[in-house]
Amino acid sequence: MKKAGKHDKALKLFQHASALAPKHPDILNHYGEFLEETQNDVVMADQLYFQALTYSPGHEAALANRERTAQIVEEMDRSTLHRIDDKRDKLSSIPDSSSSFRRAKKEAYFQHIYHTVGIEGNTMTLSQTRSIVETRMAIAGKSIMEHNEILGLDSAMKYINATLVNRLGTISVKDILEIHKRVMGFVDPLESGTFRRTQVYVGGHIPPGPLEITILMEEFENWLSSEHAMRLHPIRYAALAHYKLVHIHPFTDGNGRTARLLMNTILMQAGFPPVIILKQDRLKYYEYLEIANDGDIRPFVRFIAECTERTLDLFLWATKEYMTEFPAIEEQKELDRRTIVLDEDVLK
């Protein structure tokens, strides 16, 4: 099909083959070559070469391909991070006295809570989430658990903003326990702020046993303050911290929410706004975590970089002159519609 120029059919065959044999190095290598040659997708091709070498370290074709693409992809990643840094610096130049900036931060706060609990399956809408945070009034027809998840996130974010964001020094295990204590304080007071005492299973990943958690968390704390970690770009540092925490899975529940809050604490300390991972991206989010479990953390880092840039774009869009609101991202289609309307107004 490839030789006949029927690239769409060839792509479907490669997708089918990789689904049937996801660990076959020849399939992964040929699939990468196809994407690189016909789609010009060097990043995905490099990822497939990397996976092929994970399952067959001596695969000659994959080694040769990886040697060619690794440096190209690293340069592309650096360029992306540099572009995101420029947007962060542009946002930081906006004075705190700006009314549109204050309004954007307030709306982003509600959306962050909405999407963070939504990833875990909470069914509250954005307007219902805002109402609970602002009024503490119950929403008819919704469970107590869903209300408490929102209140817990609100409590944890207020704690982070008040104590950790502007504090000197790295984050400790005690800080992580304090975050978790607030995340789960309304949901499960007995388990909040404490390490799990039982074995848990997360999809195909089996986290370390409960007896290992204390030692692993001490090692994680040492890594957080290590010279190597501190030299990383903040987005890479934050994404790695997120992944390492969910990989250890130190709590019975609330690991994902605590990891995302830890990630955002690191990013806010570096001058970024809290990053919003959309609830509609939950499958992509979990897929990249699974790929990281197989040995390649880069797709997850790129995903966090993408979410960071999107959040920055929303802030910059909302703080432009004449903007009156922070664009809701409860549904991406609604944002696209607003953008189209804005473009039409500009053209007029």
C-alpha atoms as a PDB file:
ATOM      1  CA  MET A   1       0.000   0.000   0.000  1.00  0.00           C
ATOM      2  CA  LYS A   2       2.868   2.347   0.793  1.00  0.00           C
ATOM      3  CA  LYS A   3       4.594   1.602  -2.505  1.00  0.00           C
ATOM      4  CA  ALA A   4       1.286   2.091  -4.343  1.00  0.00           C
ATOM      5  CA  GLY A   5       0.962   5.536  -2.785  1.00  0.00           C
ATOM      6  CA  LYS A   6      -2.122   4.559  -0.757  1.00  0.00           C
ATOM      7  CA  HIS A   7      -0.837   6.066   2.448  1.00  0.00           C
ATOM      8  CA  ASP A   8      -4.187   6.226   4.249  1.00  0.00           C
ATOM      9  CA  LYS A   9      -4.687   2.484   3.870  1.00  0.00           C
ATOM     10  CA  ALA A  10      -1.056   1.822   4.793  1.00  0.00           C
ATOM     11  CA  LEU A  11      -1.497   3.897   7.958  1.00  0.00           C
ATOM     12  CA  LYS A  12      -4.562   1.877   8.980  1.00  0.00           C
ATOM     13  CA  LEU A  13      -2.636  -1.358   8.435  1.00  0.00           C
ATOM     14  CA  PHE A  14       0.242  -0.118  10.594  1.00  0.00           C
ATOM     15  CA  GLN A  15      -2.203   0.938  13.323  1.00  0.00           C
ATOM     16  CA  HIS A  16      -3.868  -2.471  13.167  1.00  0.00           C
ATOM     17  CA  ALA A  17      -0.519  -4.295  13.264  1.00  0.00           C
ATOM     18  CA  SER A  18       0.742  -2.284  16.259  1.00  0.00           C
ATOM     19  CA  ALA A  19      -2.535  -2.951  18.081  1.00  0.00           C
ATOM     20  CA  LEU A  20      -2.171  -6.708  17.495  1.00  0.00           C
ATOM     21  CA  ALA A  21       1.536  -6.812  18.378  1.00  0.00           C
ATOM     22  CA  PRO A  22       2.363  -3.644  20.376  1.00  0.00           C
ATOM     23  CA  LYS A  23       5.781  -4.977  21.460  1.00  0.00           C
ATOM     24  CA  HIS A  24       7.037  -6.284  18.107  1.00  0.00           C
ATOM     25  CA  PRO A  25      10.238  -4.311  17.314  1.00  0.00           C
ATOM     26  CA  ASP A  26      10.014  -4.797  13.511  1.00  0.00           C
ATOM     27  CA  ILE A  27       6.464  -3.453  13.395  1.00  0.00           C
ATOM     28  CA  LEU A  28       7.360  -0.496  15.619  1.00  0.00           C
ATOM     29  CA  ASN A  29      10.440   0.313  13.534  1.00  0.00           C
ATOM     30  CA  HIS A  30       8.667   0.064  10.163  1.00  0.00           C
ATOM     31  CA  TYR A  31       5.733   2.069  11.512  1.00  0.00           C
ATOM     32  CA  GLY A  32       8.160   4.796  12.605  1.00  0.00           C
ATOM     33  CA  GLU A  33       9.837   4.831   9.193  1.00  0.00           C
ATOM     34  CA  PHE A  34       6.439   5.153   7.529  1.00  0.00           C
ATOM     35  CA  LEU A  35       5.433   8.114   9.717  1.00  0.00           C
ATOM     36  CA  GLU A  36       8.773   9.812   9.186  1.00  0.00           C
ATOM     37  CA  GLU A  37       8.768   9.374   5.404  1.00  0.00           C
ATOM     38  CA  THR A  38       5.103   9.985   4.562  1.00  0.00           C
ATOM     39  CA  GLN A  39       3.748  12.103   7.431  1.00  0.00           C
ATOM     40  CA  ASN A  40       6.943  13.977   8.359  1.00  0.00           C
ATOM     41  CA  ASP A  41       6.151  13.088  11.983  1.00  0.00           C
ATOM     42  CA  VAL A  42       9.684  12.814  13.389  1.00  0.00           C
ATOM     43  CA  VAL A  43       8.535  13.009  17.010  1.00  0.00           C
ATOM     44  CA  MET A  44       6.187  10.030  16.798  1.00  0.00           C
ATOM     45  CA  ALA A  45       8.694   8.122  14.660  1.00  0.00           C
ATOM     46  CA  ASP A  46      11.402   8.648  17.282  1.00  0.00           C
ATOM     47  CA  GLN A  47       8.990   7.462  19.971  1.00  0.00           C
ATOM     48  CA  LEU A  48       8.346   4.242  18.019  1.00  0.00           C
ATOM     49  CA  TYR A  49      12.074   3.662  17.468  1.00  0.00           C
ATOM     50  CA  PHE A  50      12.578   4.144  21.208  1.00  0.00           C
ATOM     51  CA  GLN A  51       9.861   1.579  21.966  1.00  0.00           C
ATOM     52  CA  ALA A  52      11.371  -0.888  19.493  1.00  0.00           C
ATOM     53  CA  LEU A  53      14.722  -0.607  21.297  1.00  0.00           C
ATOM     54  CA  THR A  54      12.994  -1.044  24.667  1.00  0.00           C
ATOM     55  CA  TYR A  55      11.816  -4.485  23.577  1.00  0.00           C
ATOM     56  CA  SER A  56      14.872  -5.320  21.442  1.00  0.00           C
ATOM     57  CA  PRO A  57      17.943  -3.244  22.483  1.00  0.00           C
ATOM     58  CA  GLY A  58      20.089  -4.682  19.697  1.00  0.00           C
ATOM     59  CA  HIS A  59      17.676  -3.982  16.817  1.00  0.00           C
ATOM     60  CA  GLU A  60      20.051  -2.587  14.178  1.00  0.00           C
ATOM     61  CA  ALA A  61      17.523  -0.692  12.042  1.00  0.00           C
ATOM     62  CA  ALA A  62      15.893   0.929  15.064  1.00  0.00           C
ATOM     63  CA  LEU A  63      19.323   1.874  16.450  1.00  0.00           C
ATOM     64  CA  ALA A  64      20.284   3.559  13.172  1.00  0.00           C
ATOM     65  CA  ASN A  65      16.957   5.377  12.951  1.00  0.00           C
ATOM     66  CA  ARG A  66      17.096   6.488  16.586  1.00  0.00           C
ATOM     67  CA  GLU A  67      20.626   7.813  16.158  1.00  0.00           C
ATOM     68  CA  ARG A  68      19.327  10.023  13.344  1.00  0.00           C
ATOM     69  CA  THR A  69      16.133  11.286  15.019  1.00  0.00           C
ATOM     70  CA  ALA A  70      17.094  11.647  18.700  1.00  0.00           C
ATOM     71  CA  GLN A  71      18.968  14.941  18.311  1.00  0.00           C
ATOM     72  CA  ILE A  72      16.329  16.397  15.969  1.00  0.00           C
ATOM     73  CA  VAL A  73      13.552  15.653  18.455  1.00  0.00           C
ATOM     74  CA  GLU A  74      15.553  17.046  21.370  1.00  0.00           C
ATOM     75  CA  GLU A  75      16.042  20.309  19.484  1.00  0.00           C
ATOM     76  CA  MET A  76      12.323  20.453  18.703  1.00  0.00           C
ATOM     77  CA  ASP A  77      11.495  19.931  22.386  1.00  0.00           C
ATOM     78  CA  ARG A  78      13.930  22.672  23.414  1.00  0.00           C
ATOM     79  CA  SER A  79      12.399  25.047  20.881  1.00  0.00           C
ATOM     80  CA  THR A  80       8.917  24.325  22.257  1.00  0.00           C
ATOM     81  CA  LEU A  81      10.028  24.988  25.836  1.00  0.00           C
ATOM     82  CA  HIS A  82      11.728  28.223  24.758  1.00  0.00           C
ATOM     83  CA  ARG A  83       8.501  29.382  23.076  1.00  0.00           C
ATOM     84  CA  ILE A  84       6.528  28.575  26.240  1.00  0.00           C
ATOM     85  CA  ASP A  85       9.052  30.503  28.356  1.00  0.00           C
ATOM     86  CA  ASP A  86       8.526  33.556  26.151  1.00  0.00           C
ATOM     87  CA  LYS A  87       4.765  33.356  26.725  1.00  0.00           C
ATOM     88  CA  ARG A  88       5.303  33.008  30.476  1.00  0.00           C
ATOM     89  CA  ASP A  89       7.518  36.105  30.469  1.00  0.00           C
ATOM     90  CA  LYS A  90       4.905  37.983  28.474  1.00  0.00           C
ATOM     91  CA  LEU A  91       2.216  37.029  30.996  1.00  0.00           C
ATOM     92  CA  SER A  92       4.432  37.977  33.948  1.00  0.00           C
ATOM     93  CA  SER A  93       4.813  41.481  32.495  1.00  0.00           C
ATOM     94  CA  ILE A  94       1.082  42.108  33.002  1.00  0.00           C
ATOM     95  CA  PRO A  95       0.636  44.045  36.282  1.00  0.00           C
ATOM     96  CA  ASP A  96      -1.369  42.460  39.108  1.00  0.00           C
ATOM     97  CA  SER A  97      -3.488  45.613  39.143  1.00  0.00           C
ATOM     98  CA  SER A  98      -4.946  44.650  35.756  1.00  0.00           C
ATOM     99  CA  SER A  99      -8.640  43.933  36.261  1.00  0.00           C
ATOM    100  CA  SER A 100      -8.755  41.526  33.322  1.00  0.00           C
ATOM    101  CA  PHE A 101      -5.769  39.608  34.745  1.00  0.00           C
ATOM    102  CA  ARG A 102      -7.412  39.306  38.170  1.00  0.00           C
ATOM    103  CA  ARG A 103     -10.632  38.151  36.550  1.00  0.00           C
ATOM    104  CA  ALA A 104      -8.755  35.618  34.411  1.00  0.00           C
ATOM    105  CA  LYS A 105      -6.997  34.160  37.458  1.00  0.00           C
ATOM    106  CA  LYS A 106     -10.296  33.816  39.296  1.00  0.00           C
ATOM    107  CA  GLU A 107     -11.996  32.032  36.399  1.00  0.00           C
ATOM    108  CA  ALA A 108      -8.944  29.815  35.811  1.00  0.00           C
ATOM    109  CA  TYR A 109      -9.126  28.812  39.481  1.00  0.00           C
ATOM    110  CA  PHE A 110     -12.657  27.440  39.040  1.00  0.00           C
ATOM    111  CA  GLN A 111     -11.766  25.725  35.770  1.00  0.00           C
ATOM    112  CA  HIS A 112      -8.709  24.108  37.314  1.00  0.00           C
ATOM    113  CA  ILE A 113     -10.850  22.544  40.045  1.00  0.00           C
ATOM    114  CA  TYR A 114     -13.539  21.517  37.545  1.00  0.00           C
ATOM    115  CA  HIS A 115     -11.122  19.717  35.216  1.00  0.00           C
ATOM    116  CA  THR A 116      -8.969  18.207  37.993  1.00  0.00           C
ATOM    117  CA  VAL A 117     -11.880  16.469  39.700  1.00  0.00           C
ATOM    118  CA  GLY A 118     -13.486  15.763  36.310  1.00  0.00           C
ATOM    119  CA  ILE A 119     -10.487  13.632  35.290  1.00  0.00           C
ATOM    120  CA  GLU A 120     -11.318  11.391  38.266  1.00  0.00           C
ATOM    121  CA  GLY A 121     -14.947  11.033  37.159  1.00  0.00           C
ATOM    122  CA  ASN A 122     -16.685  13.905  38.970  1.00  0.00           C
ATOM    123  CA  THR A 123     -19.845  14.852  37.014  1.00  0.00           C
ATOM    124  CA  MET A 124     -20.285  18.436  38.227  1.00  0.00           C
ATOM    125  CA  THR A 125     -20.483  21.071  35.491  1.00  0.00           C
ATOM    126  CA  LEU A 126     -18.260  24.143  35.487  1.00  0.00           C
ATOM    127  CA  SER A 127     -21.081  26.377  36.712  1.00  0.00           C
ATOM    128  CA  GLN A 128     -21.958  23.908  39.488  1.00  0.00           C
ATOM    129  CA  THR A 129     -18.287  23.730  40.537  1.00  0.00           C
ATOM    130  CA  ARG A 130     -18.107  27.527  40.689  1.00  0.00           C
ATOM    131  CA  SER A 131     -21.308  27.655  42.747  1.00  0.00           C
ATOM    132  CA  ILE A 132     -20.036  25.131  45.312  1.00  0.00           C
ATOM    133  CA  VAL A 133     -16.711  26.939  45.748  1.00  0.00           C
ATOM    134  CA  GLU A 134     -18.304  30.376  46.023  1.00  0.00           C
ATOM    135  CA  THR A 135     -21.459  29.636  48.037  1.00  0.00           C
ATOM    136  CA  ARG A 136     -20.804  26.249  49.715  1.00  0.00           C
ATOM    137  CA  MET A 137     -24.398  25.428  48.783  1.00  0.00           C
ATOM    138  CA  ALA A 138     -25.296  21.863  47.762  1.00  0.00           C
ATOM    139  CA  ILE A 139     -26.320  20.967  44.215  1.00  0.00           C
ATOM    140  CA  ALA A 140     -29.519  18.919  43.996  1.00  0.00           C
ATOM    141  CA  GLY A 141     -29.093  15.427  42.570  1.00  0.00           C
ATOM    142  CA  LYS A 142     -25.316  15.299  43.086  1.00  0.00           C
ATOM    143  CA  SER A 143     -23.580  13.012  45.580  1.00  0.00           C
ATOM    144  CA  ILE A 144     -21.942  14.156  48.805  1.00  0.00           C
ATOM    145  CA  MET A 145     -18.697  12.612  47.515  1.00  0.00           C
ATOM    146  CA  GLU A 146     -18.645  14.856  44.435  1.00  0.00           C
ATOM    147  CA  HIS A 147     -19.271  17.939  46.589  1.00  0.00           C
ATOM    148  CA  ASN A 148     -16.467  16.934  48.955  1.00  0.00           C
ATOM    149  CA  GLU A 149     -13.988  16.338  46.115  1.00  0.00           C
ATOM    150  CA  ILE A 150     -14.484  19.928  44.968  1.00  0.00           C
ATOM    151  CA  LEU A 151     -14.208  21.320  48.494  1.00  0.00           C
ATOM    152  CA  GLY A 152     -11.025  19.293  49.030  1.00  0.00           C
ATOM    153  CA  LEU A 153      -9.399  20.682  45.869  1.00  0.00           C
ATOM    154  CA  ASP A 154     -10.375  24.207  46.870  1.00  0.00           C
ATOM    155  CA  SER A 155      -8.825  23.703  50.317  1.00  0.00           C
ATOM    156  CA  ALA A 156      -5.612  22.219  48.887  1.00  0.00           C
ATOM    157  CA  MET A 157      -5.184  25.013  46.337  1.00  0.00           C
ATOM    158  CA  LYS A 158      -5.685  27.688  48.983  1.00  0.00           C
ATOM    159  CA  TYR A 159      -3.067  25.973  51.140  1.00  0.00           C
ATOM    160  CA  ILE A 160      -0.580  25.866  48.234  1.00  0.00           C
ATOM    161  CA  ASN A 161      -1.163  29.515  47.330  1.00  0.00           C
ATOM    162  CA  ALA A 162      -0.787  30.632  50.940  1.00  0.00           C
ATOM    163  CA  THR A 163       2.271  28.590  51.955  1.00  0.00           C
ATOM    164  CA  LEU A 164       4.232  26.896  49.159  1.00  0.00           C
ATOM    165  CA  VAL A 165       4.206  29.087  46.049  1.00  0.00           C
ATOM    166  CA  ASN A 166       6.349  31.902  47.458  1.00  0.00           C
ATOM    167  CA  ARG A 167       8.325  29.839  49.955  1.00  0.00           C
ATOM    168  CA  LEU A 168      12.061  29.375  49.484  1.00  0.00           C
ATOM    169  CA  GLY A 169      13.359  25.837  49.265  1.00  0.00           C
ATOM    170  CA  THR A 170      12.125  22.651  47.636  1.00  0.00           C
ATOM    171  CA  ILE A 171       8.956  20.715  48.377  1.00  0.00           C
ATOM    172  CA  SER A 172       9.198  18.034  51.063  1.00  0.00           C
ATOM    173  CA  VAL A 173       7.300  14.836  51.837  1.00  0.00           C
ATOM    174  CA  LYS A 174       5.612  16.731  54.674  1.00  0.00           C
ATOM    175  CA  ASP A 175       4.313  19.285  52.148  1.00  0.00           C
ATOM    176  CA  ILE A 176       2.947  16.493  49.939  1.00  0.00           C
ATOM    177  CA  LEU A 177       1.199  14.936  52.940  1.00  0.00           C
ATOM    178  CA  GLU A 178      -0.306  18.332  53.794  1.00  0.00           C
ATOM    179  CA  ILE A 179      -1.597  18.696  50.231  1.00  0.00           C
ATOM    180  CA  HIS A 180      -3.128  15.216  50.331  1.00  0.00           C
ATOM    181  CA  LYS A 181      -4.621  15.880  53.753  1.00  0.00           C
ATOM    182  CA  ARG A 182      -6.633  18.719  52.244  1.00  0.00           C
ATOM    183  CA  VAL A 183      -7.438  16.958  48.960  1.00  0.00           C
ATOM    184  CA  MET A 184      -9.011  14.030  50.817  1.00  0.00           C
ATOM    185  CA  GLY A 185      -9.951  15.789  54.057  1.00  0.00           C
ATOM    186  CA  PHE A 186     -13.643  16.069  53.171  1.00  0.00           C
ATOM    187  CA  VAL A 187     -13.803  12.722  51.336  1.00  0.00           C
ATOM    188  CA  ASP A 188     -11.942  10.346  53.651  1.00  0.00           C
ATOM    189  CA  PRO A 189     -10.640  12.066  56.815  1.00  0.00           C
ATOM    190  CA  LEU A 190      -9.137   8.854  58.237  1.00  0.00           C
ATOM    191  CA  GLU A 191      -6.923   8.186  55.199  1.00  0.00           C
ATOM    192  CA  SER A 192      -6.120  11.809  54.342  1.00  0.00           C
ATOM    193  CA  GLY A 193      -2.512  12.838  54.853  1.00  0.00           C
ATOM    194  CA  THR A 194      -1.313   9.266  55.508  1.00  0.00           C
ATOM    195  CA  PHE A 195       0.440   6.666  53.380  1.00  0.00           C
ATOM    196  CA  ARG A 196      -1.543   3.615  52.359  1.00  0.00           C
ATOM    197  CA  ARG A 197      -1.247   0.415  54.377  1.00  0.00           C
ATOM    198  CA  THR A 198      -2.499  -1.975  51.696  1.00  0.00           C
ATOM    199  CA  GLN A 199      -1.490  -3.029  48.189  1.00  0.00           C
ATOM    200  CA  VAL A 200      -3.342  -1.315  45.322  1.00  0.00           C
ATOM    201  CA  TYR A 201      -3.575  -2.016  41.592  1.00  0.00           C
ATOM    202  CA  VAL A 202      -3.788   0.689  38.929  1.00  0.00           C
ATOM    203  CA  GLY A 203      -4.697  -0.750  35.534  1.00  0.00           C
ATOM    204  CA  GLY A 204      -1.648  -2.642  34.296  1.00  0.00           C
ATOM    205  CA  HIS A 205       0.640  -0.965  36.834  1.00  0.00           C
ATOM    206  CA  ILE A 206       1.289  -2.597  40.203  1.00  0.00           C
ATOM    207  CA  PRO A 207       2.664   0.097  42.552  1.00  0.00           C
ATOM    208  CA  PRO A 208       5.244  -0.731  45.224  1.00  0.00           C
ATOM    209  CA  GLY A 209       4.061  -2.501  48.374  1.00  0.00           C
ATOM    210  CA  PRO A 210       3.047  -0.449  51.426  1.00  0.00           C
ATOM    211  CA  LEU A 211       6.233  -1.347  53.328  1.00  0.00           C
ATOM    212  CA  GLU A 212       8.348   0.305  50.622  1.00  0.00           C
ATOM    213  CA  ILE A 213       6.490   3.618  50.479  1.00  0.00           C
ATOM    214  CA  THR A 214       8.287   5.474  53.290  1.00  0.00           C
ATOM    215  CA  ILE A 215      11.728   4.718  51.827  1.00  0.00           C
ATOM    216  CA  LEU A 216      10.617   5.515  48.268  1.00  0.00           C
ATOM    217  CA  MET A 217       9.096   8.826  49.350  1.00  0.00           C
ATOM    218  CA  GLU A 218      12.332   9.758  51.149  1.00  0.00           C
ATOM    219  CA  GLU A 219      14.218   9.008  47.928  1.00  0.00           C
ATOM    220  CA  PHE A 220      11.656  11.078  46.013  1.00  0.00           C
ATOM    221  CA  GLU A 221      12.199  13.998  48.409  1.00  0.00           C
ATOM    222  CA  ASN A 222      15.958  13.734  47.861  1.00  0.00           C
ATOM    223  CA  TRP A 223      15.402  13.766  44.098  1.00  0.00           C
ATOM    224  CA  LEU A 224      13.173  16.863  44.339  1.00  0.00           C
ATOM    225  CA  SER A 225      16.029  18.791  45.964  1.00  0.00           C
ATOM    226  CA  SER A 226      18.833  17.229  43.909  1.00  0.00           C
ATOM    227  CA  GLU A 227      21.103  19.335  41.728  1.00  0.00           C
ATOM    228  CA  HIS A 228      20.130  17.295  38.671  1.00  0.00           C
ATOM    229  CA  ALA A 229      16.401  17.927  39.175  1.00  0.00           C
ATOM    230  CA  MET A 230      16.907  21.618  39.889  1.00  0.00           C
ATOM    231  CA  ARG A 231      18.811  22.052  36.602  1.00  0.00           C
ATOM    232  CA  LEU A 232      15.894  20.707  34.560  1.00  0.00           C
ATOM    233  CA  HIS A 233      13.506  23.039  32.774  1.00  0.00           C
ATOM    234  CA  PRO A 234      10.558  23.706  35.149  1.00  0.00           C
ATOM    235  CA  ILE A 235       8.096  21.909  32.857  1.00  0.00           C
ATOM    236  CA  ARG A 236      10.298  18.819  32.679  1.00  0.00           C
ATOM    237  CA  TYR A 237      10.916  18.990  36.419  1.00  0.00           C
ATOM    238  CA  ALA A 238       7.193  19.327  37.185  1.00  0.00           C
ATOM    239  CA  ALA A 239       6.163  16.553  34.777  1.00  0.00           C
ATOM    240  CA  LEU A 240       8.772  14.168  36.188  1.00  0.00           C
ATOM    241  CA  ALA A 241       7.699  14.965  39.761  1.00  0.00           C
ATOM    242  CA  HIS A 242       4.094  14.253  38.786  1.00  0.00           C
ATOM    243  CA  TYR A 243       5.015  10.936  37.168  1.00  0.00           C
ATOM    244  CA  LYS A 244       7.289   9.766  39.981  1.00  0.00           C
ATOM    245  CA  LEU A 245       4.591  10.423  42.591  1.00  0.00           C
ATOM    246  CA  VAL A 246       1.812   8.576  40.741  1.00  0.00           C
ATOM    247  CA  HIS A 247       4.245   5.719  40.006  1.00  0.00           C
ATOM    248  CA  ILE A 248       4.906   5.271  43.728  1.00  0.00           C
ATOM    249  CA  HIS A 249       1.153   5.732  44.356  1.00  0.00           C
ATOM    250  CA  PRO A 250       1.680   6.374  48.081  1.00  0.00           C
ATOM    251  CA  PHE A 251      -1.987   6.936  48.973  1.00  0.00           C
ATOM    252  CA  THR A 252      -5.082   4.767  48.905  1.00  0.00           C
ATOM    253  CA  ASP A 253      -6.938   7.443  46.924  1.00  0.00           C
ATOM    254  CA  GLY A 254      -6.254  10.960  45.651  1.00  0.00           C
ATOM    255  CA  ASN A 255      -2.858  10.186  44.092  1.00  0.00           C
ATOM    256  CA  GLY A 256      -3.647  11.794  40.724  1.00  0.00           C
ATOM    257  CA  ARG A 257      -5.090  14.963  42.233  1.00  0.00           C
ATOM    258  CA  THR A 258      -2.154  15.301  44.633  1.00  0.00           C
ATOM    259  CA  ALA A 259       0.361  14.701  41.814  1.00  0.00           C
ATOM    260  CA  ARG A 260      -1.269  17.353  39.609  1.00  0.00           C
ATOM    261  CA  LEU A 261      -1.227  19.823  42.506  1.00  0.00           C
ATOM    262  CA  LEU A 262       2.442  19.028  43.180  1.00  0.00           C
ATOM    263  CA  MET A 263       3.184  19.610  39.488  1.00  0.00           C
ATOM    264  CA  ASN A 264       1.381  22.951  39.543  1.00  0.00           C
ATOM    265  CA  THR A 265       3.133  24.015  42.735  1.00  0.00           C
ATOM    266  CA  ILE A 266       6.487  23.541  40.993  1.00  0.00           C
ATOM    267  CA  LEU A 267       5.261  25.393  37.902  1.00  0.00           C
ATOM    268  CA  MET A 268       3.828  28.287  39.936  1.00  0.00           C
ATOM    269  CA  GLN A 269       7.118  28.600  41.821  1.00  0.00           C
ATOM    270  CA  ALA A 270       8.739  29.042  38.377  1.00  0.00           C
ATOM    271  CA  GLY A 271       6.288  31.785  37.375  1.00  0.00           C
ATOM    272  CA  PHE A 272       3.758  29.745  35.401  1.00  0.00           C
ATOM    273  CA  PRO A 273       0.001  29.798  36.058  1.00  0.00           C
ATOM    274  CA  PRO A 274      -1.603  26.576  37.342  1.00  0.00           C
ATOM    275  CA  VAL A 275      -1.809  24.269  34.345  1.00  0.00           C
ATOM    276  CA  ILE A 276      -5.223  22.961  33.383  1.00  0.00           C
ATOM    277  CA  ILE A 277      -5.336  19.370  32.098  1.00  0.00           C
ATOM    278  CA  LEU A 278      -8.707  19.086  30.371  1.00  0.00           C
ATOM    279  CA  LYS A 279     -11.085  16.369  31.550  1.00  0.00           C
ATOM    280  CA  GLN A 280     -11.749  15.529  27.884  1.00  0.00           C
ATOM    281  CA  ASP A 281      -8.032  14.704  27.576  1.00  0.00           C
ATOM    282  CA  ARG A 282      -8.149  12.111  30.361  1.00  0.00           C
ATOM    283  CA  LEU A 283      -7.636   9.133  28.007  1.00  0.00           C
ATOM    284  CA  LYS A 284      -4.613  10.811  26.411  1.00  0.00           C
ATOM    285  CA  TYR A 285      -3.331  11.705  29.900  1.00  0.00           C
ATOM    286  CA  TYR A 286      -3.548   8.077  31.099  1.00  0.00           C
ATOM    287  CA  GLU A 287      -2.097   6.764  27.832  1.00  0.00           C
ATOM    288  CA  TYR A 288       1.030   8.907  28.225  1.00  0.00           C
ATOM    289  CA  LEU A 289       1.422   7.752  31.823  1.00  0.00           C
ATOM    290  CA  GLU A 290       1.305   4.143  30.600  1.00  0.00           C
ATOM    291  CA  ILE A 291       3.945   4.909  27.962  1.00  0.00           C
ATOM    292  CA  ALA A 292       6.096   6.395  30.755  1.00  0.00           C
ATOM    293  CA  ASN A 293       5.667   3.149  32.701  1.00  0.00           C
ATOM    294  CA  ASP A 294       7.144   1.362  29.660  1.00  0.00           C
ATOM    295  CA  GLY A 295      10.251   3.545  29.858  1.00  0.00           C
ATOM    296  CA  ASP A 296       9.639   6.645  27.713  1.00  0.00           C
ATOM    297  CA  ILE A 297       8.702   9.701  29.808  1.00  0.00           C
ATOM    298  CA  ARG A 298       9.089  12.183  26.922  1.00  0.00           C
ATOM    299  CA  PRO A 299       5.528  11.917  25.507  1.00  0.00           C
ATOM    300  CA  PHE A 300       4.141  12.711  28.963  1.00  0.00           C
ATOM    301  CA  VAL A 301       6.496  15.701  29.310  1.00  0.00           C
ATOM    302  CA  ARG A 302       5.386  16.951  25.881  1.00  0.00           C
ATOM    303  CA  PHE A 303       1.755  16.541  26.911  1.00  0.00           C
ATOM    304  CA  ILE A 304       2.325  18.656  30.047  1.00  0.00           C
ATOM    305  CA  ALA A 305       4.163  21.246  27.912  1.00  0.00           C
ATOM    306  CA  GLU A 306       1.180  21.325  25.541  1.00  0.00           C
ATOM    307  CA  CYS A 307      -1.226  21.848  28.466  1.00  0.00           C
ATOM    308  CA  THR A 308       1.032  24.569  29.875  1.00  0.00           C
ATOM    309  CA  GLU A 309       1.133  26.444  26.577  1.00  0.00           C
ATOM    310  CA  ARG A 310      -2.627  26.161  26.134  1.00  0.00           C
ATOM    311  CA  THR A 311      -3.191  27.582  29.625  1.00  0.00           C
ATOM    312  CA  LEU A 312      -0.799  30.456  28.907  1.00  0.00           C
ATOM    313  CA  ASP A 313      -2.574  31.155  25.615  1.00  0.00           C
ATOM    314  CA  LEU A 314      -5.901  31.354  27.431  1.00  0.00           C
ATOM    315  CA  PHE A 315      -4.506  33.837  29.948  1.00  0.00           C
ATOM    316  CA  LEU A 316      -2.919  35.975  27.241  1.00  0.00           C
ATOM    317  CA  TRP A 317      -6.144  35.892  25.210  1.00  0.00           C
ATOM    318  CA  ALA A 318      -8.252  36.867  28.229  1.00  0.00           C
ATOM    319  CA  THR A 319      -5.993  39.762  29.235  1.00  0.00           C
ATOM    320  CA  LYS A 320      -6.007  41.455  25.837  1.00  0.00           C
ATOM    321  CA  GLU A 321      -7.563  44.861  25.657  1.00  0.00           C
ATOM    322  CA  TYR A 322     -11.372  44.772  25.362  1.00  0.00           C
ATOM    323  CA  MET A 323     -11.581  41.155  26.549  1.00  0.00           C
ATOM    324  CA  THR A 324     -14.286  40.805  29.191  1.00  0.00           C
ATOM    325  CA  GLU A 325     -13.995  37.183  30.284  1.00  0.00           C
ATOM    326  CA  PHE A 326     -11.691  34.201  30.623  1.00  0.00           C
ATOM    327  CA  PRO A 327     -12.708  31.710  27.906  1.00  0.00           C
ATOM    328  CA  ALA A 328     -14.369  28.626  29.339  1.00  0.00           C
ATOM    329  CA  ILE A 329     -12.793  25.347  28.278  1.00  0.00           C
ATOM    330  CA  GLU A 330     -15.536  23.151  29.639  1.00  0.00           C
ATOM    331  CA  GLU A 331     -16.045  22.177  26.005  1.00  0.00           C
ATOM    332  CA  GLN A 332     -13.383  22.865  23.390  1.00  0.00           C
ATOM    333  CA  LYS A 333     -16.037  23.414  20.715  1.00  0.00           C
ATOM    334  CA  GLU A 334     -17.374  26.379  22.645  1.00  0.00           C
ATOM    335  CA  LEU A 335     -13.911  27.947  22.751  1.00  0.00           C
ATOM    336  CA  ASP A 336     -13.460  27.367  19.017  1.00  0.00           C
ATOM    337  CA  ARG A 337     -16.814  29.047  18.360  1.00  0.00           C
ATOM    338  CA  ARG A 338     -15.849  32.102  20.435  1.00  0.00           C
ATOM    339  CA  THR A 339     -12.506  32.347  18.658  1.00  0.00           C
ATOM    340  CA  ILE A 340     -14.244  32.310  15.273  1.00  0.00           C
ATOM    341  CA  VAL A 341     -16.621  35.053  16.403  1.00  0.00           C
ATOM    342  CA  LEU A 342     -13.679  37.110  17.702  1.00  0.00           C
ATOM    343  CA  ASP A 343     -11.814  36.709  14.387  1.00  0.00           C
ATOM    344  CA  GLU A 344     -14.876  37.808  12.458  1.00  0.00           C
ATOM    345  CA  ASP A 345     -15.196  40.890  14.645  1.00  0.00           C
ATOM    346  CA  VAL A 346     -11.532  41.756  14.069  1.00  0.00           C
ATOM    347  CA  LEU A 347     -11.987  41.421  10.301  1.00  0.00           C
ATOM    348  CA  LYS A 348     -14.971  43.737  10.405  1.00  0.00           C
END
